PDB file of all heavy atoms in Angstrom:
ATOM      1  N   LYS A   1       6.126   1.613  -9.339  1.00  0.00           N
ATOM      2  CA  LYS A   1       6.285   2.097  -7.967  1.00  0.00           C
ATOM      3  C   LYS A   1       5.998   1.054  -6.888  1.00  0.00           C
ATOM      4  O   LYS A   1       6.550   1.124  -5.793  1.00  0.00           O
ATOM      5  CB  LYS A   1       5.350   3.299  -7.745  1.00  0.00           C
ATOM      6  CG  LYS A   1       5.760   4.543  -8.506  1.00  0.00           C
ATOM      7  CD  LYS A   1       7.052   5.117  -7.957  1.00  0.00           C
ATOM      8  CE  LYS A   1       7.376   6.459  -8.567  1.00  0.00           C
ATOM      9  NZ  LYS A   1       8.627   7.038  -8.012  1.00  0.00           N
ATOM     10  N   GLN A   2       5.124   0.078  -7.166  1.00  0.00           N
ATOM     11  CA  GLN A   2       4.707  -0.848  -6.115  1.00  0.00           C
ATOM     12  C   GLN A   2       5.171  -2.293  -6.334  1.00  0.00           C
ATOM     13  O   GLN A   2       4.616  -3.219  -5.756  1.00  0.00           O
ATOM     14  CB  GLN A   2       3.177  -0.807  -5.954  1.00  0.00           C
ATOM     15  CG  GLN A   2       2.683   0.259  -4.990  1.00  0.00           C
ATOM     16  CD  GLN A   2       2.784   1.648  -5.557  1.00  0.00           C
ATOM     17  OE1 GLN A   2       2.306   1.893  -6.665  1.00  0.00           O
ATOM     18  NE2 GLN A   2       3.385   2.565  -4.817  1.00  0.00           N
ATOM     19  N   TRP A   3       6.179  -2.481  -7.171  1.00  0.00           N
ATOM     20  CA  TRP A   3       6.700  -3.837  -7.374  1.00  0.00           C
ATOM     21  C   TRP A   3       7.412  -4.290  -6.106  1.00  0.00           C
ATOM     22  O   TRP A   3       8.094  -3.513  -5.448  1.00  0.00           O
ATOM     23  CB  TRP A   3       7.664  -3.866  -8.555  1.00  0.00           C
ATOM     24  CG  TRP A   3       7.808  -5.246  -9.141  1.00  0.00           C
ATOM     25  CD1 TRP A   3       8.755  -6.164  -8.815  1.00  0.00           C
ATOM     26  CD2 TRP A   3       6.972  -5.856 -10.113  1.00  0.00           C
ATOM     27  NE1 TRP A   3       8.568  -7.313  -9.524  1.00  0.00           N
ATOM     28  CE2 TRP A   3       7.472  -7.153 -10.339  1.00  0.00           C
ATOM     29  CE3 TRP A   3       5.848  -5.438 -10.828  1.00  0.00           C
ATOM     30  CZ2 TRP A   3       6.894  -8.044 -11.245  1.00  0.00           C
ATOM     31  CZ3 TRP A   3       5.276  -6.323 -11.727  1.00  0.00           C
ATOM     32  CH2 TRP A   3       5.788  -7.601 -11.925  1.00  0.00           C
ATOM     33  N   GLU A   4       7.239  -5.550  -5.732  1.00  0.00           N
ATOM     34  CA  GLU A   4       7.860  -6.064  -4.511  1.00  0.00           C
ATOM     35  C   GLU A   4       9.387  -6.050  -4.630  1.00  0.00           C
ATOM     36  O   GLU A   4       9.944  -6.377  -5.681  1.00  0.00           O
ATOM     37  CB  GLU A   4       7.375  -7.488  -4.230  1.00  0.00           C
ATOM     38  CG  GLU A   4       5.878  -7.607  -4.011  1.00  0.00           C
ATOM     39  CD  GLU A   4       5.400  -6.890  -2.761  1.00  0.00           C
ATOM     40  OE1 GLU A   4       6.220  -6.656  -1.859  1.00  0.00           O
ATOM     41  OE2 GLU A   4       4.193  -6.576  -2.693  1.00  0.00           O
ATOM     42  N   ASP A   5      10.060  -5.689  -3.528  1.00  0.00           N
ATOM     43  CA  ASP A   5      11.520  -5.602  -3.528  1.00  0.00           C
ATOM     44  C   ASP A   5      12.180  -6.980  -3.529  1.00  0.00           C
ATOM     45  O   ASP A   5      13.295  -7.138  -4.027  1.00  0.00           O
ATOM     46  CB  ASP A   5      11.995  -4.814  -2.294  1.00  0.00           C
ATOM     47  CG  ASP A   5      11.489  -3.383  -2.309  1.00  0.00           C
ATOM     48  OD1 ASP A   5      11.412  -2.800  -3.409  1.00  0.00           O
ATOM     49  OD2 ASP A   5      11.178  -2.850  -1.228  1.00  0.00           O
ATOM     50  N   SER A   6      11.502  -7.959  -2.966  1.00  0.00           N
ATOM     51  CA  SER A   6      12.086  -9.301  -2.870  1.00  0.00           C
ATOM     52  C   SER A   6      11.491 -10.241  -3.906  1.00  0.00           C
ATOM     53  O   SER A   6      10.286 -10.215  -4.172  1.00  0.00           O
ATOM     54  CB  SER A   6      11.842  -9.871  -1.472  1.00  0.00           C
ATOM     55  OG  SER A   6      12.217 -11.239  -1.415  1.00  0.00           O
ATOM     56  N   GLU A   7      12.332 -11.059  -4.474  1.00  0.00           N
ATOM     57  CA  GLU A   7      11.870 -12.091  -5.414  1.00  0.00           C
ATOM     58  C   GLU A   7      11.222 -13.261  -4.680  1.00  0.00           C
ATOM     59  O   GLU A   7      10.549 -14.086  -5.300  1.00  0.00           O
ATOM     60  CB  GLU A   7      13.050 -12.603  -6.245  1.00  0.00           C
ATOM     61  CG  GLU A   7      13.663 -11.587  -7.186  1.00  0.00           C
ATOM     62  CD  GLU A   7      12.757 -11.247  -8.353  1.00  0.00           C
ATOM     63  OE1 GLU A   7      11.836 -12.023  -8.643  1.00  0.00           O
ATOM     64  OE2 GLU A   7      12.969 -10.186  -8.977  1.00  0.00           O
ATOM     65  N   ASP A   8      11.413 -13.343  -3.372  1.00  0.00           N
ATOM     66  CA  ASP A   8      10.990 -14.520  -2.618  1.00  0.00           C
ATOM     67  C   ASP A   8       9.782 -14.266  -1.724  1.00  0.00           C
ATOM     68  O   ASP A   8       9.429 -15.122  -0.893  1.00  0.00           O
ATOM     69  CB  ASP A   8      12.160 -15.014  -1.750  1.00  0.00           C
ATOM     70  CG  ASP A   8      13.362 -15.399  -2.588  1.00  0.00           C
ATOM     71  OD1 ASP A   8      13.157 -16.057  -3.626  1.00  0.00           O
ATOM     72  OD2 ASP A   8      14.485 -15.021  -2.211  1.00  0.00           O
ATOM     73  N   ILE A   9       9.133 -13.128  -1.878  1.00  0.00           N
ATOM     74  CA  ILE A   9       7.977 -12.819  -1.030  1.00  0.00           C
ATOM     75  C   ILE A   9       6.833 -13.785  -1.331  1.00  0.00           C
ATOM     76  O   ILE A   9       6.605 -14.175  -2.486  1.00  0.00           O
ATOM     77  CB  ILE A   9       7.539 -11.350  -1.227  1.00  0.00           C
ATOM     78  CG1 ILE A   9       6.540 -10.951  -0.148  1.00  0.00           C
ATOM     79  CG2 ILE A   9       6.959 -11.120  -2.620  1.00  0.00           C
ATOM     80  CD1 ILE A   9       6.322  -9.458  -0.050  1.00  0.00           C
ATOM     81  N   VAL A  10       6.118 -14.233  -0.294  1.00  0.00           N
ATOM     82  CA  VAL A  10       5.029 -15.198  -0.463  1.00  0.00           C
ATOM     83  C   VAL A  10       3.733 -14.492  -0.847  1.00  0.00           C
ATOM     84  O   VAL A  10       3.090 -14.844  -1.841  1.00  0.00           O
ATOM     85  CB  VAL A  10       4.835 -16.017   0.837  1.00  0.00           C
ATOM     86  CG1 VAL A  10       3.635 -16.970   0.680  1.00  0.00           C
ATOM     87  CG2 VAL A  10       6.093 -16.796   1.164  1.00  0.00           C
ATOM     88  N   PHE A  11       3.341 -13.479  -0.075  1.00  0.00           N
ATOM     89  CA  PHE A  11       2.117 -12.734  -0.360  1.00  0.00           C
ATOM     90  C   PHE A  11       2.471 -11.281  -0.673  1.00  0.00           C
ATOM     91  O   PHE A  11       2.984 -10.569   0.204  1.00  0.00           O
ATOM     92  CB  PHE A  11       1.151 -12.787   0.829  1.00  0.00           C
ATOM     93  CG  PHE A  11       0.691 -14.181   1.172  1.00  0.00           C
ATOM     94  CD1 PHE A  11       1.118 -14.805   2.331  1.00  0.00           C
ATOM     95  CD2 PHE A  11      -0.161 -14.870   0.318  1.00  0.00           C
ATOM     96  CE1 PHE A  11       0.701 -16.084   2.649  1.00  0.00           C
ATOM     97  CE2 PHE A  11      -0.588 -16.148   0.630  1.00  0.00           C
ATOM     98  CZ  PHE A  11      -0.160 -16.760   1.786  1.00  0.00           C
ATOM     99  N   ALA A  12       2.207 -10.870  -1.891  1.00  0.00           N
ATOM    100  CA  ALA A  12       2.525  -9.492  -2.290  1.00  0.00           C
ATOM    101  C   ALA A  12       1.765  -8.503  -1.405  1.00  0.00           C
ATOM    102  O   ALA A  12       0.572  -8.690  -1.143  1.00  0.00           O
ATOM    103  CB  ALA A  12       2.160  -9.278  -3.754  1.00  0.00           C
ATOM    104  N   ASP A  13       2.468  -7.454  -0.946  1.00  0.00           N
ATOM    105  CA  ASP A  13       1.842  -6.536   0.003  1.00  0.00           C
ATOM    106  C   ASP A  13       2.097  -5.058  -0.307  1.00  0.00           C
ATOM    107  O   ASP A  13       1.399  -4.198   0.198  1.00  0.00           O
ATOM    108  CB  ASP A  13       2.357  -6.837   1.417  1.00  0.00           C
ATOM    109  CG  ASP A  13       1.728  -5.940   2.462  1.00  0.00           C
ATOM    110  OD1 ASP A  13       0.494  -6.026   2.643  1.00  0.00           O
ATOM    111  OD2 ASP A  13       2.463  -5.138   3.073  1.00  0.00           O
ATOM    112  N   LYS A  14       3.079  -4.755  -1.124  1.00  0.00           N
ATOM    113  CA  LYS A  14       3.478  -3.358  -1.301  1.00  0.00           C
ATOM    114  C   LYS A  14       2.342  -2.517  -1.869  1.00  0.00           C
ATOM    115  O   LYS A  14       2.052  -1.421  -1.383  1.00  0.00           O
ATOM    116  CB  LYS A  14       4.713  -3.271  -2.201  1.00  0.00           C
ATOM    117  CG  LYS A  14       5.428  -1.935  -2.124  1.00  0.00           C
ATOM    118  CD  LYS A  14       6.779  -1.993  -2.823  1.00  0.00           C
ATOM    119  CE  LYS A  14       7.514  -0.668  -2.660  1.00  0.00           C
ATOM    120  NZ  LYS A  14       8.859  -0.708  -3.304  1.00  0.00           N
ATOM    121  N   ALA A  15       1.665  -3.007  -2.902  1.00  0.00           N
ATOM    122  CA  ALA A  15       0.538  -2.267  -3.486  1.00  0.00           C
ATOM    123  C   ALA A  15      -0.633  -2.206  -2.508  1.00  0.00           C
ATOM    124  O   ALA A  15      -1.333  -1.194  -2.418  1.00  0.00           O
ATOM    125  CB  ALA A  15       0.107  -2.900  -4.807  1.00  0.00           C
ATOM    126  N   ALA A  16      -0.845  -3.294  -1.759  1.00  0.00           N
ATOM    127  CA  ALA A  16      -1.933  -3.307  -0.776  1.00  0.00           C
ATOM    128  C   ALA A  16      -1.685  -2.262   0.303  1.00  0.00           C
ATOM    129  O   ALA A  16      -2.603  -1.527   0.700  1.00  0.00           O
ATOM    130  CB  ALA A  16      -2.047  -4.698  -0.154  1.00  0.00           C
ATOM    131  N   SER A  17      -0.451  -2.188   0.787  1.00  0.00           N
ATOM    132  CA  SER A  17      -0.111  -1.188   1.808  1.00  0.00           C
ATOM    133  C   SER A  17      -0.290   0.217   1.266  1.00  0.00           C
ATOM    134  O   SER A  17      -0.745   1.116   1.989  1.00  0.00           O
ATOM    135  CB  SER A  17       1.332  -1.389   2.274  1.00  0.00           C
ATOM    136  OG  SER A  17       1.481  -2.641   2.902  1.00  0.00           O
ATOM    137  N   TYR A  18       0.061   0.402   0.009  1.00  0.00           N
ATOM    138  CA  TYR A  18      -0.105   1.722  -0.621  1.00  0.00           C
ATOM    139  C   TYR A  18      -1.576   2.124  -0.650  1.00  0.00           C
ATOM    140  O   TYR A  18      -1.923   3.266  -0.322  1.00  0.00           O
ATOM    141  CB  TYR A  18       0.464   1.674  -2.040  1.00  0.00           C
ATOM    142  CG  TYR A  18       0.253   2.938  -2.851  1.00  0.00           C
ATOM    143  CD1 TYR A  18       1.032   4.058  -2.625  1.00  0.00           C
ATOM    144  CD2 TYR A  18      -0.730   2.997  -3.841  1.00  0.00           C
ATOM    145  CE1 TYR A  18       0.851   5.220  -3.376  1.00  0.00           C
ATOM    146  CE2 TYR A  18      -0.926   4.136  -4.584  1.00  0.00           C
ATOM    147  CZ  TYR A  18      -0.134   5.249  -4.352  1.00  0.00           C
ATOM    148  OH  TYR A  18      -0.322   6.390  -5.092  1.00  0.00           O
ATOM    149  N   GLN A  19      -2.456   1.201  -1.015  1.00  0.00           N
ATOM    150  CA  GLN A  19      -3.884   1.501  -1.068  1.00  0.00           C
ATOM    151  C   GLN A  19      -4.408   1.900   0.310  1.00  0.00           C
ATOM    152  O   GLN A  19      -5.165   2.862   0.464  1.00  0.00           O
ATOM    153  CB  GLN A  19      -4.667   0.300  -1.590  1.00  0.00           C
ATOM    154  CG  GLN A  19      -4.377  -0.077  -3.044  1.00  0.00           C
ATOM    155  CD  GLN A  19      -4.732   1.028  -4.014  1.00  0.00           C
ATOM    156  OE1 GLN A  19      -3.854   1.726  -4.532  1.00  0.00           O
ATOM    157  NE2 GLN A  19      -6.019   1.215  -4.266  1.00  0.00           N
ATOM    158  N   ARG A  20      -4.026   1.136   1.328  1.00  0.00           N
ATOM    159  CA  ARG A  20      -4.498   1.416   2.684  1.00  0.00           C
ATOM    160  C   ARG A  20      -3.936   2.748   3.193  1.00  0.00           C
ATOM    161  O   ARG A  20      -4.640   3.509   3.869  1.00  0.00           O
ATOM    162  CB  ARG A  20      -4.126   0.271   3.626  1.00  0.00           C
ATOM    163  CG  ARG A  20      -4.912  -0.999   3.317  1.00  0.00           C
ATOM    164  CD  ARG A  20      -4.657  -2.101   4.335  1.00  0.00           C
ATOM    165  NE  ARG A  20      -5.469  -3.270   4.020  1.00  0.00           N
ATOM    166  CZ  ARG A  20      -6.735  -3.437   4.382  1.00  0.00           C
ATOM    167  NH1 ARG A  20      -7.340  -2.492   5.093  1.00  0.00           N
ATOM    168  NH2 ARG A  20      -7.397  -4.525   4.053  1.00  0.00           N
ATOM    169  N   TYR A  21      -2.691   3.024   2.874  1.00  0.00           N
ATOM    170  CA  TYR A  21      -2.093   4.297   3.281  1.00  0.00           C
ATOM    171  C   TYR A  21      -2.833   5.467   2.651  1.00  0.00           C
ATOM    172  O   TYR A  21      -3.144   6.461   3.323  1.00  0.00           O
ATOM    173  CB  TYR A  21      -0.617   4.325   2.891  1.00  0.00           C
ATOM    174  CG  TYR A  21      -0.009   5.705   2.985  1.00  0.00           C
ATOM    175  CD1 TYR A  21       0.292   6.273   4.221  1.00  0.00           C
ATOM    176  CD2 TYR A  21       0.244   6.445   1.838  1.00  0.00           C
ATOM    177  CE1 TYR A  21       0.836   7.547   4.309  1.00  0.00           C
ATOM    178  CE2 TYR A  21       0.783   7.720   1.907  1.00  0.00           C
ATOM    179  CZ  TYR A  21       1.081   8.259   3.153  1.00  0.00           C
ATOM    180  OH  TYR A  21       1.604   9.527   3.225  1.00  0.00           O
ATOM    181  N   GLN A  22      -3.121   5.364   1.359  1.00  0.00           N
ATOM    182  CA  GLN A  22      -3.813   6.455   0.671  1.00  0.00           C
ATOM    183  C   GLN A  22      -5.195   6.691   1.269  1.00  0.00           C
ATOM    184  O   GLN A  22      -5.624   7.836   1.438  1.00  0.00           O
ATOM    185  CB  GLN A  22      -3.928   6.146  -0.825  1.00  0.00           C
ATOM    186  CG  GLN A  22      -2.616   6.204  -1.586  1.00  0.00           C
ATOM    187  CD  GLN A  22      -2.008   7.590  -1.618  1.00  0.00           C
ATOM    188  OE1 GLN A  22      -2.709   8.596  -1.548  1.00  0.00           O
ATOM    189  NE2 GLN A  22      -0.691   7.655  -1.741  1.00  0.00           N
ATOM    190  N   GLY A  23      -5.909   5.614   1.609  1.00  0.00           N
ATOM    191  CA  GLY A  23      -7.225   5.772   2.221  1.00  0.00           C
ATOM    192  C   GLY A  23      -7.148   6.422   3.585  1.00  0.00           C
ATOM    193  O   GLY A  23      -7.908   7.343   3.897  1.00  0.00           O
ATOM    194  N   SER A  24      -6.207   5.973   4.415  1.00  0.00           N
ATOM    195  CA  SER A  24      -6.075   6.529   5.758  1.00  0.00           C
ATOM    196  C   SER A  24      -5.637   7.983   5.731  1.00  0.00           C
ATOM    197  O   SER A  24      -6.109   8.806   6.535  1.00  0.00           O
ATOM    198  CB  SER A  24      -5.063   5.692   6.560  1.00  0.00           C
ATOM    199  OG  SER A  24      -5.540   4.377   6.742  1.00  0.00           O
ATOM    200  N   LYS A  25      -4.751   8.329   4.821  1.00  0.00           N
ATOM    201  CA  LYS A  25      -4.288   9.717   4.704  1.00  0.00           C
ATOM    202  C   LYS A  25      -5.421  10.636   4.254  1.00  0.00           C
ATOM    203  O   LYS A  25      -5.576  11.750   4.772  1.00  0.00           O
ATOM    204  CB  LYS A  25      -3.123   9.800   3.702  1.00  0.00           C
ATOM    205  CG  LYS A  25      -2.549  11.191   3.548  1.00  0.00           C
ATOM    206  CD  LYS A  25      -1.367  11.206   2.594  1.00  0.00           C
ATOM    207  CE  LYS A  25      -1.799  11.035   1.154  1.00  0.00           C
ATOM    208  NZ  LYS A  25      -0.691  11.299   0.189  1.00  0.00           N
ATOM    209  N   PHE A  26      -6.234  10.156   3.355  1.00  0.00           N
ATOM    210  CA  PHE A  26      -7.281  10.992   2.770  1.00  0.00           C
ATOM    211  C   PHE A  26      -8.331  11.394   3.798  1.00  0.00           C
ATOM    212  O   PHE A  26      -8.810  12.533   3.801  1.00  0.00           O
ATOM    213  CB  PHE A  26      -7.939  10.240   1.612  1.00  0.00           C
ATOM    214  CG  PHE A  26      -8.978  11.037   0.876  1.00  0.00           C
ATOM    215  CD1 PHE A  26      -8.628  12.116   0.092  1.00  0.00           C
ATOM    216  CD2 PHE A  26     -10.326  10.701   0.971  1.00  0.00           C
ATOM    217  CE1 PHE A  26      -9.577  12.857  -0.581  1.00  0.00           C
ATOM    218  CE2 PHE A  26     -11.285  11.435   0.298  1.00  0.00           C
ATOM    219  CZ  PHE A  26     -10.910  12.520  -0.483  1.00  0.00           C
ATOM    220  N   VAL A  27      -8.712  10.480   4.686  1.00  0.00           N
ATOM    221  CA  VAL A  27      -9.813  10.759   5.611  1.00  0.00           C
ATOM    222  C   VAL A  27      -9.426  11.749   6.711  1.00  0.00           C
ATOM    223  O   VAL A  27     -10.290  12.206   7.466  1.00  0.00           O
ATOM    224  CB  VAL A  27     -10.377   9.474   6.246  1.00  0.00           C
ATOM    225  CG1 VAL A  27     -10.891   8.536   5.170  1.00  0.00           C
ATOM    226  CG2 VAL A  27      -9.338   8.768   7.115  1.00  0.00           C
ATOM    227  N   ARG A  28      -8.158  12.128   6.794  1.00  0.00           N
ATOM    228  CA  ARG A  28      -7.765  13.148   7.767  1.00  0.00           C
ATOM    229  C   ARG A  28      -8.363  14.508   7.412  1.00  0.00           C
ATOM    230  O   ARG A  28      -8.638  15.322   8.295  1.00  0.00           O
ATOM    231  CB  ARG A  28      -6.238  13.276   7.812  1.00  0.00           C
ATOM    232  CG  ARG A  28      -5.496  12.022   8.258  1.00  0.00           C
ATOM    233  CD  ARG A  28      -3.994  12.227   8.087  1.00  0.00           C
ATOM    234  NE  ARG A  28      -3.273  10.957   8.088  1.00  0.00           N
ATOM    235  CZ  ARG A  28      -2.044  10.815   7.601  1.00  0.00           C
ATOM    236  NH1 ARG A  28      -1.404  11.859   7.085  1.00  0.00           N
ATOM    237  NH2 ARG A  28      -1.440   9.638   7.638  1.00  0.00           N
ATOM    238  N   ASP A  29      -8.537  14.760   6.133  1.00  0.00           N
ATOM    239  CA  ASP A  29      -8.962  16.091   5.684  1.00  0.00           C
ATOM    240  C   ASP A  29     -10.313  16.118   4.979  1.00  0.00           C
ATOM    241  O   ASP A  29     -10.825  17.198   4.702  1.00  0.00           O
ATOM    242  CB  ASP A  29      -7.908  16.677   4.723  1.00  0.00           C
ATOM    243  CG  ASP A  29      -6.545  16.818   5.367  1.00  0.00           C
ATOM    244  OD1 ASP A  29      -6.489  17.292   6.509  1.00  0.00           O
ATOM    245  OD2 ASP A  29      -5.553  16.428   4.736  1.00  0.00           O
ATOM    246  N   PHE A  30     -10.889  14.953   4.678  1.00  0.00           N
ATOM    247  CA  PHE A  30     -12.108  14.918   3.883  1.00  0.00           C
ATOM    248  C   PHE A  30     -13.206  14.175   4.641  1.00  0.00           C
ATOM    249  O   PHE A  30     -12.932  13.344   5.508  1.00  0.00           O
ATOM    250  CB  PHE A  30     -11.855  14.231   2.539  1.00  0.00           C
ATOM    251  CG  PHE A  30     -12.454  14.952   1.367  1.00  0.00           C
ATOM    252  CD1 PHE A  30     -11.759  15.949   0.725  1.00  0.00           C
ATOM    253  CD2 PHE A  30     -13.741  14.648   0.934  1.00  0.00           C
ATOM    254  CE1 PHE A  30     -12.314  16.638  -0.346  1.00  0.00           C
ATOM    255  CE2 PHE A  30     -14.305  15.319  -0.129  1.00  0.00           C
ATOM    256  CZ  PHE A  30     -13.587  16.320  -0.764  1.00  0.00           C
ATOM    257  N   ASP A  31     -14.459  14.475   4.340  1.00  0.00           N
ATOM    258  CA  ASP A  31     -15.568  13.749   4.952  1.00  0.00           C
ATOM    259  C   ASP A  31     -16.330  12.959   3.895  1.00  0.00           C
ATOM    260  O   ASP A  31     -16.318  13.309   2.706  1.00  0.00           O
ATOM    261  CB  ASP A  31     -16.499  14.700   5.712  1.00  0.00           C
ATOM    262  CG  ASP A  31     -17.267  15.631   4.793  1.00  0.00           C
ATOM    263  OD1 ASP A  31     -18.301  15.191   4.249  1.00  0.00           O
ATOM    264  OD2 ASP A  31     -16.861  16.793   4.631  1.00  0.00           O
TER     265      ASP A  31
END
């Protein structure tokens, strides 16, 4: 699911963005 779309990307980011998204989404409803 988180493999980079481009073969030429310098710094992989797709999985990192996924982690940050999951954290931000979670704190909307949980303490």
